[in-house]
Amino acid sequence: MSNRLDCIYNLIPKDSNGVADIGTDHGLIPIRLIQEGYCHTVVASDLREGPLSKAIHAAEELEISDRISFVLTNGLQGINKYDIDTIVIAGMGGETITTILDEDYWCCAPGYTLILQPMTQSQILRFWLINNEFKISREFLKMDENKIYNVLLVEFGESPSYTDAELYTGKYEQIKENDLFPEYLDQIIHKFEVRVHGQSLSSNDTGDKNLNRTILTQLYDMKERFLHES
């Protein structure tokens, strides 16, 4: 199991009463749950028949397919909200994850734990979460195949405010202790330096240009703060 999937698995509450893995792909997380003795409801869903069939086949080979509910569906549609209290959505773009949550908003309620791992556009996901009655309780950075990924532990509740830069990095207080944070911050700074430089060559003084300059300034401030605290 990869570093990011291992992180996701270890965030599943030990006292969870049911887990749904949305976009399960090969079913690695549901299968590991059963193999390690999890005895409550486990749902493995995917939008595509091919990956779901592979997950079913893998579970059949291990003779545990009867312990997992396999569902061919889009997002959380068709998932019984009373059977689960933990939802894993990993390996998708942040915008796709927000769409899934927005279309099945029943998970925005006390008692549900969300473990989200956006492959891209994590800033879109964070913005949506903190403006839709969710709070990011913990956040992690994990390296896989020379790329750094975000893993978010999310619950119902009031969120603290985020700066524009923190929508890209994660909440500073939550993420600064991660060993990968300095490298991750430098990557984001570089991205915005390139973006701001490119926009500086344009004569159009747009709001987007001004926002990117603001974010870059906040990123510089964040790095200075981190170096001062280190």
Protein backbone atom coordinates (compact mmCIF):
# COMPACT_ATOMS: atom_id res chain seq x y z
CA MET A 1 0.00 0.00 0.00
CA SER A 2 1.35 3.43 -0.94
CA ASN A 3 2.30 6.11 1.61
CA ARG A 4 -0.83 8.15 0.95
CA LEU A 5 -3.17 5.16 1.16
CA ASP A 6 -1.44 3.96 4.31
CA CYS A 7 -1.98 7.40 5.86
CA ILE A 8 -5.65 7.31 4.87
CA TYR A 9 -6.10 3.83 6.30
CA ASN A 10 -4.52 4.80 9.62
CA LEU A 11 -6.87 7.78 9.95
CA ILE A 12 -9.98 5.59 9.90
CA PRO A 13 -11.31 5.71 13.49
CA LYS A 14 -10.86 2.42 15.28
CA ASP A 15 -14.36 2.74 16.71
CA SER A 16 -15.98 3.50 13.37
CA ASN A 17 -19.34 1.82 12.82
CA GLY A 18 -19.08 1.66 9.04
CA VAL A 19 -16.72 2.79 6.28
CA ALA A 20 -17.43 3.75 2.68
CA ASP A 21 -14.51 4.01 0.26
CA ILE A 22 -15.69 6.18 -2.64
CA GLY A 23 -13.76 5.66 -5.85
CA THR A 24 -12.28 2.49 -4.39
CA ASP A 25 -10.30 1.58 -7.52
CA HIS A 26 -8.70 -1.79 -6.60
CA GLY A 27 -10.37 -1.93 -3.20
CA LEU A 28 -7.13 -1.82 -1.24
CA ILE A 29 -8.52 0.01 1.79
CA PRO A 30 -11.73 -2.06 2.17
CA ILE A 31 -9.76 -5.29 1.75
CA ARG A 32 -7.18 -4.26 4.35
CA LEU A 33 -9.95 -3.32 6.78
CA ILE A 34 -11.44 -6.80 6.59
CA GLN A 35 -8.05 -8.52 6.68
CA GLU A 36 -7.15 -6.69 9.86
CA GLY A 37 -10.34 -7.66 11.64
CA TYR A 38 -12.75 -4.79 11.03
CA CYS A 39 -16.20 -6.23 11.70
CA HIS A 40 -18.62 -3.44 10.75
CA THR A 41 -20.07 -2.36 7.39
CA VAL A 42 -17.55 -1.82 4.60
CA VAL A 43 -18.68 -0.31 1.30
CA ALA A 44 -16.49 -0.12 -1.79
CA SER A 45 -17.93 2.03 -4.56
CA ASP A 46 -16.70 3.22 -7.92
CA LEU A 47 -18.17 5.03 -10.90
CA ARG A 48 -16.43 2.70 -13.35
CA GLU A 49 -17.21 -0.95 -13.77
CA GLY A 50 -13.63 -1.96 -14.60
CA PRO A 51 -11.96 -0.88 -11.35
CA LEU A 52 -14.87 -2.16 -9.29
CA SER A 53 -14.60 -5.56 -10.97
CA LYS A 54 -10.90 -5.68 -10.08
CA ALA A 55 -11.74 -4.90 -6.46
CA ILE A 56 -14.37 -7.64 -6.40
CA HIS A 57 -11.95 -10.13 -7.96
CA ALA A 58 -9.22 -9.27 -5.43
CA ALA A 59 -11.66 -9.76 -2.54
CA GLU A 60 -12.89 -13.06 -4.02
CA GLU A 61 -9.34 -14.39 -4.23
CA LEU A 62 -8.95 -13.66 -0.52
CA GLU A 63 -12.38 -15.18 0.19
CA ILE A 64 -13.67 -12.00 1.84
CA SER A 65 -15.97 -10.64 -0.88
CA ASP A 66 -19.02 -11.44 1.24
CA ARG A 67 -17.76 -9.00 3.88
CA ILE A 68 -17.68 -6.00 1.52
CA SER A 69 -20.62 -4.30 -0.21
CA PHE A 70 -19.55 -3.40 -3.75
CA VAL A 71 -21.58 -0.59 -5.33
CA LEU A 72 -21.36 0.74 -8.89
CA THR A 73 -22.42 4.34 -8.39
CA ASN A 74 -21.53 7.99 -8.77
CA GLY A 75 -20.11 9.37 -5.53
CA LEU A 76 -22.27 8.78 -2.48
CA GLN A 77 -25.42 8.06 -4.44
CA GLY A 78 -27.01 4.81 -3.34
CA ILE A 79 -24.93 4.62 -0.15
CA ASN A 80 -27.07 4.12 2.95
CA LYS A 81 -26.11 6.95 5.27
CA TYR A 82 -27.24 4.95 8.30
CA ASP A 83 -24.78 2.11 7.59
CA ILE A 84 -21.61 4.20 7.79
CA ASP A 85 -20.02 7.01 9.75
CA THR A 86 -16.68 7.26 7.95
CA ILE A 87 -16.25 8.28 4.31
CA VAL A 88 -13.02 7.98 2.34
CA ILE A 89 -12.71 9.87 -0.94
CA ALA A 90 -9.22 9.62 -2.42
CA GLY A 91 -7.44 9.80 -5.73
CA MET A 92 -9.68 12.45 -7.33
CA GLY A 93 -9.34 16.14 -8.07
CA GLY A 94 -10.43 18.55 -5.37
CA GLU A 95 -13.21 19.91 -7.56
CA THR A 96 -14.59 16.41 -8.13
CA ILE A 97 -14.58 15.71 -4.39
CA THR A 98 -16.49 18.95 -3.71
CA THR A 99 -19.07 17.95 -6.32
CA ILE A 100 -19.59 14.56 -4.65
CA LEU A 101 -20.05 16.16 -1.23
CA ASP A 102 -22.27 18.91 -2.58
CA GLU A 103 -24.60 16.48 -4.33
CA ASP A 104 -24.99 14.27 -1.23
CA TYR A 105 -24.87 16.80 1.57
CA TRP A 106 -26.21 14.38 4.20
CA CYS A 107 -22.64 13.70 5.32
CA CYS A 108 -22.41 17.27 6.62
CA ALA A 109 -23.72 16.36 10.05
CA PRO A 110 -22.35 15.50 13.49
CA GLY A 111 -21.04 11.97 13.70
CA TYR A 112 -19.53 11.67 10.22
CA THR A 113 -15.79 11.58 9.62
CA LEU A 114 -14.43 12.37 6.17
CA ILE A 115 -10.95 11.40 5.01
CA LEU A 116 -10.20 13.24 1.79
CA GLN A 117 -7.16 13.02 -0.47
CA PRO A 118 -7.29 15.40 -3.44
CA MET A 119 -4.85 14.71 -6.26
CA THR A 120 -5.15 18.28 -7.55
CA GLN A 121 -6.93 21.56 -6.71
CA SER A 122 -6.75 21.13 -2.96
CA GLN A 123 -7.44 24.86 -2.62
CA ILE A 124 -10.89 24.42 -4.18
CA LEU A 125 -11.67 21.62 -1.74
CA ARG A 126 -10.49 23.58 1.31
CA PHE A 127 -12.49 26.65 0.27
CA TRP A 128 -15.64 24.59 -0.16
CA LEU A 129 -15.20 22.73 3.12
CA ILE A 130 -14.68 25.77 5.33
CA ASN A 131 -17.66 27.49 3.74
CA ASN A 132 -20.01 24.51 4.06
CA GLU A 133 -20.03 23.69 7.79
CA PHE A 134 -16.97 21.45 7.73
CA LYS A 135 -13.70 21.86 9.59
CA ILE A 136 -10.37 20.31 8.71
CA SER A 137 -9.30 18.74 11.99
CA ARG A 138 -5.91 17.50 10.83
CA GLU A 139 -3.91 17.64 7.65
CA PHE A 140 -0.96 15.60 6.42
CA LEU A 141 1.57 15.62 3.60
CA LYS A 142 2.67 12.32 2.08
CA MET A 143 5.23 11.64 -0.64
CA ASP A 144 4.41 9.10 -3.34
CA GLU A 145 6.38 8.65 -6.56
CA ASN A 146 8.20 11.94 -6.01
CA LYS A 147 5.00 13.94 -5.60
CA ILE A 148 3.60 15.41 -2.38
CA TYR A 149 -0.07 14.75 -1.65
CA ASN A 150 -2.48 16.24 0.88
CA VAL A 151 -4.56 14.08 3.20
CA LEU A 152 -7.35 15.84 5.12
CA LEU A 153 -9.26 14.62 8.16
CA VAL A 154 -12.59 16.46 8.09
CA GLU A 155 -15.52 16.71 10.51
CA PHE A 156 -18.68 18.71 10.94
CA GLY A 157 -18.13 21.99 12.77
CA GLU A 158 -17.12 25.61 12.64
CA SER A 159 -13.86 26.22 10.83
CA PRO A 160 -11.23 28.83 11.65
CA SER A 161 -10.58 31.39 8.96
CA TYR A 162 -7.95 30.71 6.30
CA THR A 163 -5.76 33.17 4.47
CA ASP A 164 -5.78 32.96 0.69
CA ALA A 165 -2.35 31.32 0.87
CA GLU A 166 -3.53 28.74 3.43
CA LEU A 167 -6.17 27.56 0.98
CA TYR A 168 -3.19 26.27 -1.03
CA THR A 169 -0.88 25.13 1.77
CA GLY A 170 -3.32 24.07 4.45
CA LYS A 171 -3.72 25.77 7.83
CA TYR A 172 -0.22 26.76 8.91
CA GLU A 173 -0.59 25.59 12.51
CA GLN A 174 -1.73 22.15 11.33
CA ILE A 175 0.77 21.54 8.58
CA LYS A 176 4.02 23.19 9.72
CA GLU A 177 5.23 20.19 11.77
CA ASN A 178 5.17 17.86 8.78
CA ASP A 179 8.65 16.95 7.55
CA LEU A 180 7.60 17.68 3.98
CA PHE A 181 6.23 21.14 4.71
CA PRO A 182 9.36 23.15 3.77
CA GLU A 183 9.61 21.39 0.40
CA TYR A 184 5.88 21.68 -0.20
CA LEU A 185 5.85 25.38 0.66
CA ASP A 186 8.76 26.03 -1.70
CA GLN A 187 6.90 24.24 -4.50
CA ILE A 188 3.83 26.42 -4.03
CA ILE A 189 5.94 29.59 -3.79
CA HIS A 190 7.67 28.67 -7.05
CA LYS A 191 4.33 28.08 -8.75
CA PHE A 192 3.07 31.52 -7.74
CA GLU A 193 6.36 33.20 -8.64
CA VAL A 194 6.02 31.82 -12.15
CA ARG A 195 2.36 32.83 -12.29
CA VAL A 196 2.96 36.37 -11.02
CA HIS A 197 5.95 36.85 -13.33
CA GLY A 198 3.90 35.76 -16.33
CA GLN A 199 1.06 38.09 -15.39
CA SER A 200 3.48 40.98 -14.87
CA LEU A 201 4.24 40.84 -18.58
CA SER A 202 0.59 41.49 -19.34
CA SER A 203 -0.80 45.03 -19.51
CA ASN A 204 -4.16 43.90 -18.11
CA ASP A 205 -4.39 44.75 -14.42
CA THR A 206 -6.93 42.11 -13.44
CA GLY A 207 -8.28 41.07 -10.06
CA ASP A 208 -6.72 37.65 -10.62
CA LYS A 209 -3.31 39.27 -10.99
CA ASN A 210 -3.75 41.20 -7.77
CA LEU A 211 -4.94 38.10 -5.90
CA ASN A 212 -1.91 36.10 -7.02
CA ARG A 213 0.40 38.86 -5.83
CA THR A 214 -1.36 38.86 -2.47
CA ILE A 215 -1.05 35.08 -2.16
CA LEU A 216 2.65 35.20 -3.04
CA THR A 217 3.25 37.85 -0.37
CA GLN A 218 1.41 35.68 2.18
CA LEU A 219 3.51 32.68 1.15
CA TYR A 220 6.72 34.66 1.65
CA ASP A 221 5.47 35.73 5.08
CA MET A 222 4.63 32.13 5.92
CA LYS A 223 8.10 30.94 4.96
CA GLU A 224 9.74 33.71 7.00
CA ARG A 225 7.60 32.77 9.99
CA PHE A 226 8.48 29.10 9.60
CA LEU A 227 12.21 29.81 9.37
CA HIS A 228 11.98 32.04 12.42
CA GLU A 229 10.18 29.36 14.43
CA SER A 230 12.43 26.50 13.31
